[in-house]
Amino acid sequence: MESKTYTYKNAIVTIYSPLANMSEEEKKMWYSEQWENGNPLMYEIADAIRACEKSIIRSQTEREQMRNSKSI
């Protein structure tokens, strides 16, 4: 299987996936095909992304509320 290795600070991460060496356009096409074919993993990925976005927005809102309450 194809792989691609990245280094993040002190960690080395190797991704084993046919997607690893695809161009951005090839990846977009692959994801679109999988979505259209109803691959349940695509829906799980989309749900995970939405959950992360909600968490980020919630954290930002809480920080703003804390800053505003301190300035009152």
PDB file of N, CA and C in Angstrom:
ATOM      1  N   MET A   1       0.850  -1.185   0.000  1.00  0.00           N
ATOM      2  CA  MET A   1       0.000   0.000   0.000  1.00  0.00           C
ATOM      3  C   MET A   1       0.889   1.240   0.000  1.00  0.00           C
ATOM      4  N   GLU A   2       0.392   2.263  -0.653  1.00  0.00           N
ATOM      5  CA  GLU A   2       1.135   3.516  -0.717  1.00  0.00           C
ATOM      6  C   GLU A   2       1.151   4.197   0.646  1.00  0.00           C
ATOM      7  N   SER A   3       2.189   4.988   0.889  1.00  0.00           N
ATOM      8  CA  SER A   3       2.268   5.691   2.166  1.00  0.00           C
ATOM      9  C   SER A   3       2.916   7.054   1.961  1.00  0.00           C
ATOM     10  N   LYS A   4       2.720   7.891   2.952  1.00  0.00           N
ATOM     11  CA  LYS A   4       3.336   9.217   2.979  1.00  0.00           C
ATOM     12  C   LYS A   4       3.674   9.506   4.427  1.00  0.00           C
ATOM     13  N   THR A   5       4.864  10.024   4.674  1.00  0.00           N
ATOM     14  CA  THR A   5       5.322  10.274   6.034  1.00  0.00           C
ATOM     15  C   THR A   5       5.462  11.772   6.274  1.00  0.00           C
ATOM     16  N   TYR A   6       4.939  12.217   7.416  1.00  0.00           N
ATOM     17  CA  TYR A   6       5.025  13.613   7.847  1.00  0.00           C
ATOM     18  C   TYR A   6       5.716  13.657   9.200  1.00  0.00           C
ATOM     19  N   THR A   7       6.393  14.761   9.476  1.00  0.00           N
ATOM     20  CA  THR A   7       6.996  14.971  10.779  1.00  0.00           C
ATOM     21  C   THR A   7       6.343  16.192  11.416  1.00  0.00           C
ATOM     22  N   TYR A   8       5.799  16.011  12.615  1.00  0.00           N
ATOM     23  CA  TYR A   8       5.183  17.081  13.394  1.00  0.00           C
ATOM     24  C   TYR A   8       5.925  17.177  14.719  1.00  0.00           C
ATOM     25  N   LYS A   9       6.707  18.229  14.861  1.00  0.00           N
ATOM     26  CA  LYS A   9       7.531  18.416  16.057  1.00  0.00           C
ATOM     27  C   LYS A   9       8.339  17.150  16.311  1.00  0.00           C
ATOM     28  N   ASN A  10       8.083  16.433  17.403  1.00  0.00           N
ATOM     29  CA  ASN A  10       8.859  15.231  17.722  1.00  0.00           C
ATOM     30  C   ASN A  10       8.202  13.942  17.253  1.00  0.00           C
ATOM     31  N   ALA A  11       7.118  14.047  16.520  1.00  0.00           N
ATOM     32  CA  ALA A  11       6.379  12.853  16.098  1.00  0.00           C
ATOM     33  C   ALA A  11       6.537  12.615  14.593  1.00  0.00           C
ATOM     34  N   ILE A  12       6.626  11.361  14.242  1.00  0.00           N
ATOM     35  CA  ILE A  12       6.649  10.967  12.839  1.00  0.00           C
ATOM     36  C   ILE A  12       5.357  10.212  12.569  1.00  0.00           C
ATOM     37  N   VAL A  13       4.602  10.681  11.572  1.00  0.00           N
ATOM     38  CA  VAL A  13       3.310  10.089  11.245  1.00  0.00           C
ATOM     39  C   VAL A  13       3.386   9.539   9.823  1.00  0.00           C
ATOM     40  N   THR A  14       3.043   8.263   9.677  1.00  0.00           N
ATOM     41  CA  THR A  14       3.001   7.657   8.352  1.00  0.00           C
ATOM     42  C   THR A  14       1.569   7.276   8.042  1.00  0.00           C
ATOM     43  N   ILE A  15       1.096   7.742   6.901  1.00  0.00           N
ATOM     44  CA  ILE A  15      -0.273   7.452   6.466  1.00  0.00           C
ATOM     45  C   ILE A  15      -0.190   6.401   5.368  1.00  0.00           C
ATOM     46  N   TYR A  16      -0.885   5.294   5.601  1.00  0.00           N
ATOM     47  CA  TYR A  16      -0.943   4.221   4.614  1.00  0.00           C
ATOM     48  C   TYR A  16      -2.314   4.274   3.961  1.00  0.00           C
ATOM     49  N   SER A  17      -2.350   4.805   2.762  1.00  0.00           N
ATOM     50  CA  SER A  17      -3.621   4.970   2.074  1.00  0.00           C
ATOM     51  C   SER A  17      -3.361   5.248   0.606  1.00  0.00           C
ATOM     52  N   PRO A  18      -4.240   4.770  -0.250  1.00  0.00           N
ATOM     53  CA  PRO A  18      -4.101   5.140  -1.659  1.00  0.00           C
ATOM     54  C   PRO A  18      -4.259   6.645  -1.866  1.00  0.00           C
ATOM     55  N   LEU A  19      -4.895   7.320  -0.918  1.00  0.00           N
ATOM     56  CA  LEU A  19      -5.087   8.770  -1.011  1.00  0.00           C
ATOM     57  C   LEU A  19      -3.792   9.535  -0.746  1.00  0.00           C
ATOM     58  N   ALA A  20      -2.827   8.891  -0.086  1.00  0.00           N
ATOM     59  CA  ALA A  20      -1.628   9.576   0.384  1.00  0.00           C
ATOM     60  C   ALA A  20      -0.884  10.321  -0.717  1.00  0.00           C
ATOM     61  N   ASN A  21      -0.809   9.740  -1.891  1.00  0.00           N
ATOM     62  CA  ASN A  21      -0.027  10.359  -2.959  1.00  0.00           C
ATOM     63  C   ASN A  21      -0.881  10.913  -4.096  1.00  0.00           C
ATOM     64  N   MET A  22      -2.189  11.044  -3.850  1.00  0.00           N
ATOM     65  CA  MET A  22      -3.059  11.634  -4.872  1.00  0.00           C
ATOM     66  C   MET A  22      -2.931  13.145  -4.859  1.00  0.00           C
ATOM     67  N   SER A  23      -3.166  13.740  -6.011  1.00  0.00           N
ATOM     68  CA  SER A  23      -3.204  15.204  -6.080  1.00  0.00           C
ATOM     69  C   SER A  23      -4.484  15.676  -5.391  1.00  0.00           C
ATOM     70  N   GLU A  24      -4.561  16.969  -5.111  1.00  0.00           N
ATOM     71  CA  GLU A  24      -5.760  17.517  -4.467  1.00  0.00           C
ATOM     72  C   GLU A  24      -6.996  17.269  -5.337  1.00  0.00           C
ATOM     73  N   GLU A  25      -6.831  17.433  -6.651  1.00  0.00           N
ATOM     74  CA  GLU A  25      -7.965  17.211  -7.559  1.00  0.00           C
ATOM     75  C   GLU A  25      -8.407  15.749  -7.541  1.00  0.00           C
ATOM     76  N   GLU A  26      -7.449  14.817  -7.518  1.00  0.00           N
ATOM     77  CA  GLU A  26      -7.778  13.393  -7.463  1.00  0.00           C
ATOM     78  C   GLU A  26      -8.509  13.048  -6.162  1.00  0.00           C
ATOM     79  N   LYS A  27      -8.054  13.654  -5.060  1.00  0.00           N
ATOM     80  CA  LYS A  27      -8.712  13.421  -3.767  1.00  0.00           C
ATOM     81  C   LYS A  27     -10.149  13.931  -3.786  1.00  0.00           C
ATOM     82  N   LYS A  28     -10.351  15.138  -4.339  1.00  0.00           N
ATOM     83  CA  LYS A  28     -11.701  15.700  -4.418  1.00  0.00           C
ATOM     84  C   LYS A  28     -12.619  14.783  -5.218  1.00  0.00           C
ATOM     85  N   MET A  29     -12.094  14.272  -6.343  1.00  0.00           N
ATOM     86  CA  MET A  29     -12.896  13.371  -7.175  1.00  0.00           C
ATOM     87  C   MET A  29     -13.229  12.090  -6.410  1.00  0.00           C
ATOM     88  N   TRP A  30     -12.242  11.547  -5.691  1.00  0.00           N
ATOM     89  CA  TRP A  30     -12.454  10.311  -4.942  1.00  0.00           C
ATOM     90  C   TRP A  30     -13.519  10.518  -3.864  1.00  0.00           C
ATOM     91  N   TYR A  31     -13.393  11.606  -3.100  1.00  0.00           N
ATOM     92  CA  TYR A  31     -14.376  11.887  -2.051  1.00  0.00           C
ATOM     93  C   TYR A  31     -15.776  12.089  -2.633  1.00  0.00           C
ATOM     94  N   SER A  32     -15.856  12.809  -3.747  1.00  0.00           N
ATOM     95  CA  SER A  32     -17.163  13.025  -4.389  1.00  0.00           C
ATOM     96  C   SER A  32     -17.784  11.711  -4.832  1.00  0.00           C
ATOM     97  N   GLU A  33     -16.972  10.849  -5.431  1.00  0.00           N
ATOM     98  CA  GLU A  33     -17.479   9.543  -5.874  1.00  0.00           C
ATOM     99  C   GLU A  33     -17.964   8.717  -4.684  1.00  0.00           C
ATOM    100  N   GLN A  34     -17.195   8.730  -3.607  1.00  0.00           N
ATOM    101  CA  GLN A  34     -17.569   7.960  -2.422  1.00  0.00           C
ATOM    102  C   GLN A  34     -18.860   8.497  -1.810  1.00  0.00           C
ATOM    103  N   TRP A  35     -18.998   9.827  -1.779  1.00  0.00           N
ATOM    104  CA  TRP A  35     -20.208  10.457  -1.232  1.00  0.00           C
ATOM    105  C   TRP A  35     -21.424  10.062  -2.074  1.00  0.00           C
ATOM    106  N   GLU A  36     -21.264  10.175  -3.401  1.00  0.00           N
ATOM    107  CA  GLU A  36     -22.363   9.846  -4.310  1.00  0.00           C
ATOM    108  C   GLU A  36     -22.745   8.364  -4.223  1.00  0.00           C
ATOM    109  N   ASN A  37     -21.763   7.510  -3.945  1.00  0.00           N
ATOM    110  CA  ASN A  37     -22.023   6.069  -3.824  1.00  0.00           C
ATOM    111  C   ASN A  37     -22.586   5.690  -2.455  1.00  0.00           C
ATOM    112  N   GLY A  38     -22.717   6.674  -1.564  1.00  0.00           N
ATOM    113  CA  GLY A  38     -23.312   6.425  -0.248  1.00  0.00           C
ATOM    114  C   GLY A  38     -22.398   5.719   0.732  1.00  0.00           C
ATOM    115  N   ASN A  39     -21.096   5.892   0.585  1.00  0.00           N
ATOM    116  CA  ASN A  39     -20.137   5.286   1.517  1.00  0.00           C
ATOM    117  C   ASN A  39     -20.392   5.831   2.921  1.00  0.00           C
ATOM    118  N   PRO A  40     -20.772   4.965   3.876  1.00  0.00           N
ATOM    119  CA  PRO A  40     -21.109   5.448   5.220  1.00  0.00           C
ATOM    120  C   PRO A  40     -19.936   6.130   5.926  1.00  0.00           C
ATOM    121  N   LEU A  41     -18.717   5.785   5.560  1.00  0.00           N
ATOM    122  CA  LEU A  41     -17.559   6.431   6.175  1.00  0.00           C
ATOM    123  C   LEU A  41     -17.528   7.919   5.859  1.00  0.00           C
ATOM    124  N   MET A  42     -17.987   8.286   4.675  1.00  0.00           N
ATOM    125  CA  MET A  42     -18.018   9.700   4.298  1.00  0.00           C
ATOM    126  C   MET A  42     -18.958  10.486   5.216  1.00  0.00           C
ATOM    127  N   TYR A  43     -20.081   9.867   5.568  1.00  0.00           N
ATOM    128  CA  TYR A  43     -21.032  10.523   6.464  1.00  0.00           C
ATOM    129  C   TYR A  43     -20.453  10.634   7.877  1.00  0.00           C
ATOM    130  N   GLU A  44     -19.707   9.630   8.298  1.00  0.00           N
ATOM    131  CA  GLU A  44     -19.065   9.690   9.616  1.00  0.00           C
ATOM    132  C   GLU A  44     -18.011  10.788   9.643  1.00  0.00           C
ATOM    133  N   ILE A  45     -17.256  10.918   8.558  1.00  0.00           N
ATOM    134  CA  ILE A  45     -16.248  11.983   8.476  1.00  0.00           C
ATOM    135  C   ILE A  45     -16.930  13.347   8.526  1.00  0.00           C
ATOM    136  N   ALA A  46     -18.009  13.504   7.766  1.00  0.00           N
ATOM    137  CA  ALA A  46     -18.739  14.781   7.756  1.00  0.00           C
ATOM    138  C   ALA A  46     -19.280  15.109   9.149  1.00  0.00           C
ATOM    139  N   ASP A  47     -19.816  14.105   9.850  1.00  0.00           N
ATOM    140  CA  ASP A  47     -20.320  14.320  11.204  1.00  0.00           C
ATOM    141  C   ASP A  47     -19.194  14.734  12.147  1.00  0.00           C
ATOM    142  N   ALA A  48     -18.021  14.101  12.006  1.00  0.00           N
ATOM    143  CA  ALA A  48     -16.876  14.445  12.860  1.00  0.00           C
ATOM    144  C   ALA A  48     -16.421  15.881  12.608  1.00  0.00           C
ATOM    145  N   ILE A  49     -16.404  16.286  11.351  1.00  0.00           N
ATOM    146  CA  ILE A  49     -16.010  17.654  11.018  1.00  0.00           C
ATOM    147  C   ILE A  49     -16.994  18.647  11.626  1.00  0.00           C
ATOM    148  N   ARG A  50     -18.282  18.370  11.494  1.00  0.00           N
ATOM    149  CA  ARG A  50     -19.298  19.260  12.072  1.00  0.00           C
ATOM    150  C   ARG A  50     -19.146  19.349  13.588  1.00  0.00           C
ATOM    151  N   ALA A  51     -18.874  18.225  14.241  1.00  0.00           N
ATOM    152  CA  ALA A  51     -18.705  18.223  15.699  1.00  0.00           C
ATOM    153  C   ALA A  51     -17.500  19.066  16.094  1.00  0.00           C
ATOM    154  N   CYS A  52     -16.412  18.964  15.339  1.00  0.00           N
ATOM    155  CA  CYS A  52     -15.226  19.778  15.631  1.00  0.00           C
ATOM    156  C   CYS A  52     -15.526  21.259  15.446  1.00  0.00           C
ATOM    157  N   GLU A  53     -16.225  21.587  14.369  1.00  0.00           N
ATOM    158  CA  GLU A  53     -16.565  22.987  14.120  1.00  0.00           C
ATOM    159  C   GLU A  53     -17.442  23.544  15.240  1.00  0.00           C
ATOM    160  N   LYS A  54     -18.431  22.762  15.682  1.00  0.00           N
ATOM    161  CA  LYS A  54     -19.295  23.209  16.773  1.00  0.00           C
ATOM    162  C   LYS A  54     -18.488  23.429  18.047  1.00  0.00           C
ATOM    163  N   SER A  55     -17.553  22.526  18.315  1.00  0.00           N
ATOM    164  CA  SER A  55     -16.727  22.641  19.515  1.00  0.00           C
ATOM    165  C   SER A  55     -15.869  23.901  19.456  1.00  0.00           C
ATOM    166  N   ILE A  56     -15.299  24.181  18.306  1.00  0.00           N
ATOM    167  CA  ILE A  56     -14.466  25.375  18.141  1.00  0.00           C
ATOM    168  C   ILE A  56     -15.307  26.625  18.335  1.00  0.00           C
ATOM    169  N   ILE A  57     -16.470  26.672  17.718  1.00  0.00           N
ATOM    170  CA  ILE A  57     -17.352  27.833  17.844  1.00  0.00           C
ATOM    171  C   ILE A  57     -17.780  28.012  19.300  1.00  0.00           C
ATOM    172  N   ARG A  58     -18.122  26.907  19.980  1.00  0.00           N
ATOM    173  CA  ARG A  58     -18.536  26.973  21.381  1.00  0.00           C
ATOM    174  C   ARG A  58     -17.403  27.526  22.242  1.00  0.00           C
ATOM    175  N   SER A  59     -16.173  27.053  22.001  1.00  0.00           N
ATOM    176  CA  SER A  59     -15.027  27.531  22.780  1.00  0.00           C
ATOM    177  C   SER A  59     -14.781  29.014  22.548  1.00  0.00           C
ATOM    178  N   GLN A  60     -14.884  29.442  21.300  1.00  0.00           N
ATOM    179  CA  GLN A  60     -14.675  30.854  20.984  1.00  0.00           C
ATOM    180  C   GLN A  60     -15.739  31.717  21.652  1.00  0.00           C
ATOM    181  N   THR A  61     -16.977  31.263  21.632  1.00  0.00           N
ATOM    182  CA  THR A  61     -18.079  32.004  22.249  1.00  0.00           C
ATOM    183  C   THR A  61     -17.869  32.107  23.754  1.00  0.00           C
ATOM    184  N   GLU A  62     -17.466  31.013  24.382  1.00  0.00           N
ATOM    185  CA  GLU A  62     -17.235  31.026  25.830  1.00  0.00           C
ATOM    186  C   GLU A  62     -16.104  31.981  26.193  1.00  0.00           C
ATOM    187  N   ARG A  63     -15.022  31.989  25.394  1.00  0.00           N
ATOM    188  CA  ARG A  63     -13.907  32.910  25.666  1.00  0.00           C
ATOM    189  C   ARG A  63     -14.357  34.361  25.533  1.00  0.00           C
ATOM    190  N   GLU A  64     -15.156  34.650  24.504  1.00  0.00           N
ATOM    191  CA  GLU A  64     -15.660  36.012  24.319  1.00  0.00           C
ATOM    192  C   GLU A  64     -16.551  36.424  25.481  1.00  0.00           C
ATOM    193  N   GLN A  65     -17.397  35.509  25.948  1.00  0.00           N
ATOM    194  CA  GLN A  65     -18.284  35.812  27.074  1.00  0.00           C
ATOM    195  C   GLN A  65     -17.471  36.075  28.338  1.00  0.00           C
ATOM    196  N   MET A  66     -16.399  35.306  28.537  1.00  0.00           N
ATOM    197  CA  MET A  66     -15.555  35.521  29.712  1.00  0.00           C
ATOM    198  C   MET A  66     -14.871  36.885  29.638  1.00  0.00           C
ATOM    199  N   ARG A  67     -14.361  37.233  28.461  1.00  0.00           N
ATOM    200  CA  ARG A  67     -13.705  38.529  28.278  1.00  0.00           C
ATOM    201  C   ARG A  67     -14.693  39.671  28.526  1.00  0.00           C
ATOM    202  N   ASN A  68     -15.918  39.516  27.997  1.00  0.00           N
ATOM    203  CA  ASN A  68     -16.933  40.554  28.156  1.00  0.00           C
ATOM    204  C   ASN A  68     -17.369  40.697  29.612  1.00  0.00           C
ATOM    205  N   SER A  69     -17.473  39.593  30.330  1.00  0.00           N
ATOM    206  CA  SER A  69     -17.911  39.674  31.729  1.00  0.00           C
ATOM    207  C   SER A  69     -16.834  40.287  32.603  1.00  0.00           C
ATOM    208  N   LYS A  70     -15.570  40.148  32.236  1.00  0.00           N
ATOM    209  CA  LYS A  70     -14.471  40.765  32.996  1.00  0.00           C
ATOM    210  C   LYS A  70     -14.382  42.246  32.762  1.00  0.00           C
ATOM    211  N   SER A  71     -14.840  42.708  31.591  1.00  0.00           N
ATOM    212  CA  SER A  71     -14.749  44.127  31.278  1.00  0.00           C
ATOM    213  C   SER A  71     -15.922  44.926  31.818  1.00  0.00           C
ATOM    214  N   ILE A  72     -16.908  44.252  32.367  1.00  0.00           N
ATOM    215  CA  ILE A  72     -18.083  44.959  32.900  1.00  0.00           C
ATOM    216  C   ILE A  72     -17.814  45.459  34.284  1.00  0.00           C
TER     217      ILE A  72
END
